[in-house]
């Protein structure tokens, strides 16, 4: 199973391509944009991963997106507060 993993909400955006648990290619978007800690959508990192692995986008079985909901909660936010 070919999985494209994306980190698009964190410190640095990136993409990785995994096939049956084996990492075929991975890259951070900042390597292509030349912007330190680039948080933009990792389009060039995705392209690099696909080209490096010799896989076309239609061959990908799943796309996984890293997301941590707790990262977006502000310190002191009370989940029990009334709306």
C-alpha atoms as a PDB file:
ATOM      1  CA  UNK A   1       0.000   0.000   0.000  1.00  0.00           C
ATOM      2  CA  UNK A   2       1.418   3.348  -1.069  1.00  0.00           C
ATOM      3  CA  UNK A   3       0.786   6.185   1.380  1.00  0.00           C
ATOM      4  CA  UNK A   4       1.594   9.857   0.898  1.00  0.00           C
ATOM      5  CA  UNK A   5       2.102  11.489   4.284  1.00  0.00           C
ATOM      6  CA  UNK A   6       1.795  15.248   4.633  1.00  0.00           C
ATOM      7  CA  UNK A   7       2.733  17.589   7.432  1.00  0.00           C
ATOM      8  CA  UNK A   8       0.937  20.843   6.655  1.00  0.00           C
ATOM      9  CA  UNK A   9      -0.023  22.273  10.022  1.00  0.00           C
ATOM     10  CA  UNK A  10       3.189  22.053  11.934  1.00  0.00           C
ATOM     11  CA  UNK A  11       6.526  23.734  12.304  1.00  0.00           C
ATOM     12  CA  UNK A  12       7.751  22.856   8.806  1.00  0.00           C
ATOM     13  CA  UNK A  13       5.597  21.508   5.962  1.00  0.00           C
ATOM     14  CA  UNK A  14       6.803  18.285   4.386  1.00  0.00           C
ATOM     15  CA  UNK A  15       5.849  15.171   2.459  1.00  0.00           C
ATOM     16  CA  UNK A  16       6.835  11.517   2.660  1.00  0.00           C
ATOM     17  CA  UNK A  17       6.013   8.551   0.475  1.00  0.00           C
ATOM     18  CA  UNK A  18       5.811   5.113   2.110  1.00  0.00           C
ATOM     19  CA  UNK A  19       5.206   1.754   0.425  1.00  0.00           C
ATOM     20  CA  UNK A  20       4.327  -1.194   2.688  1.00  0.00           C
ATOM     21  CA  UNK A  21       6.089   0.437   5.650  1.00  0.00           C
ATOM     22  CA  UNK A  22       9.255   1.330   3.723  1.00  0.00           C
ATOM     23  CA  UNK A  23      10.050   5.025   3.262  1.00  0.00           C
ATOM     24  CA  UNK A  24      10.685   5.648  -0.430  1.00  0.00           C
ATOM     25  CA  UNK A  25      11.210   9.414  -0.267  1.00  0.00           C
ATOM     26  CA  UNK A  26      10.742  12.310   2.136  1.00  0.00           C
ATOM     27  CA  UNK A  27      11.469  16.022   1.985  1.00  0.00           C
ATOM     28  CA  UNK A  28      10.675  19.313   3.673  1.00  0.00           C
ATOM     29  CA  UNK A  29       9.244  22.110   1.535  1.00  0.00           C
ATOM     30  CA  UNK A  30      11.937  24.500   2.783  1.00  0.00           C
ATOM     31  CA  UNK A  31      14.530  22.581   0.740  1.00  0.00           C
ATOM     32  CA  UNK A  32      12.829  23.717  -2.448  1.00  0.00           C
ATOM     33  CA  UNK A  33      11.533  27.168  -1.474  1.00  0.00           C
ATOM     34  CA  UNK A  34      14.748  28.185   0.306  1.00  0.00           C
ATOM     35  CA  UNK A  35      12.628  29.690   3.093  1.00  0.00           C
ATOM     36  CA  UNK A  36      13.625  28.544   6.553  1.00  0.00           C
ATOM     37  CA  UNK A  37      10.721  26.887   8.416  1.00  0.00           C
ATOM     38  CA  UNK A  38       8.444  27.141   5.374  1.00  0.00           C
ATOM     39  CA  UNK A  39       4.826  26.410   6.343  1.00  0.00           C
ATOM     40  CA  UNK A  40       3.320  26.640   2.856  1.00  0.00           C
ATOM     41  CA  UNK A  41       1.623  23.656   1.207  1.00  0.00           C
ATOM     42  CA  UNK A  42       4.391  21.138   0.329  1.00  0.00           C
ATOM     43  CA  UNK A  43       3.658  20.926  -3.415  1.00  0.00           C
ATOM     44  CA  UNK A  44       7.325  20.719  -4.443  1.00  0.00           C
ATOM     45  CA  UNK A  45       8.090  18.192  -1.694  1.00  0.00           C
ATOM     46  CA  UNK A  46       5.222  16.023  -2.974  1.00  0.00           C
ATOM     47  CA  UNK A  47       6.504  16.302  -6.537  1.00  0.00           C
ATOM     48  CA  UNK A  48      10.004  15.362  -5.388  1.00  0.00           C
ATOM     49  CA  UNK A  49       8.741  12.331  -3.455  1.00  0.00           C
ATOM     50  CA  UNK A  50       6.722  11.061  -6.418  1.00  0.00           C
ATOM     51  CA  UNK A  51       9.542  11.559  -8.914  1.00  0.00           C
ATOM     52  CA  UNK A  52      12.163  10.014  -6.626  1.00  0.00           C
ATOM     53  CA  UNK A  53      10.021   6.934  -6.022  1.00  0.00           C
ATOM     54  CA  UNK A  54       8.989   6.698  -9.679  1.00  0.00           C
ATOM     55  CA  UNK A  55       5.314   6.714  -8.736  1.00  0.00           C
ATOM     56  CA  UNK A  56       2.447   8.605 -10.362  1.00  0.00           C
ATOM     57  CA  UNK A  57      -0.133  10.372  -8.182  1.00  0.00           C
ATOM     58  CA  UNK A  58      -2.898   8.001  -9.349  1.00  0.00           C
ATOM     59  CA  UNK A  59      -0.940   5.061  -7.884  1.00  0.00           C
ATOM     60  CA  UNK A  60      -1.208   6.393  -4.308  1.00  0.00           C
ATOM     61  CA  UNK A  61      -3.608   4.350  -2.171  1.00  0.00           C
ATOM     62  CA  UNK A  62      -3.978   6.702   0.810  1.00  0.00           C
ATOM     63  CA  UNK A  63      -3.072  10.226   1.873  1.00  0.00           C
ATOM     64  CA  UNK A  64      -2.369  10.801   5.557  1.00  0.00           C
ATOM     65  CA  UNK A  65      -2.282  14.288   7.073  1.00  0.00           C
ATOM     66  CA  UNK A  66      -0.591  14.917  10.407  1.00  0.00           C
ATOM     67  CA  UNK A  67      -2.817  16.953  12.691  1.00  0.00           C
ATOM     68  CA  UNK A  68      -2.665  17.656  16.414  1.00  0.00           C
ATOM     69  CA  UNK A  69      -5.829  19.416  17.627  1.00  0.00           C
ATOM     70  CA  UNK A  70      -4.213  20.229  20.965  1.00  0.00           C
ATOM     71  CA  UNK A  71      -1.600  22.362  19.216  1.00  0.00           C
ATOM     72  CA  UNK A  72      -4.255  24.915  18.335  1.00  0.00           C
ATOM     73  CA  UNK A  73      -5.704  25.320  21.804  1.00  0.00           C
ATOM     74  CA  UNK A  74      -4.548  28.470  23.496  1.00  0.00           C
ATOM     75  CA  UNK A  75      -3.026  28.280  26.926  1.00  0.00           C
ATOM     76  CA  UNK A  76      -5.683  28.798  29.552  1.00  0.00           C
ATOM     77  CA  UNK A  77      -8.565  27.855  27.240  1.00  0.00           C
ATOM     78  CA  UNK A  78     -11.307  26.198  29.256  1.00  0.00           C
ATOM     79  CA  UNK A  79     -13.117  23.458  27.347  1.00  0.00           C
ATOM     80  CA  UNK A  80     -15.910  23.529  29.934  1.00  0.00           C
ATOM     81  CA  UNK A  81     -16.692  27.217  29.341  1.00  0.00           C
ATOM     82  CA  UNK A  82     -20.208  28.018  28.217  1.00  0.00           C
ATOM     83  CA  UNK A  83     -20.747  29.022  24.599  1.00  0.00           C
END
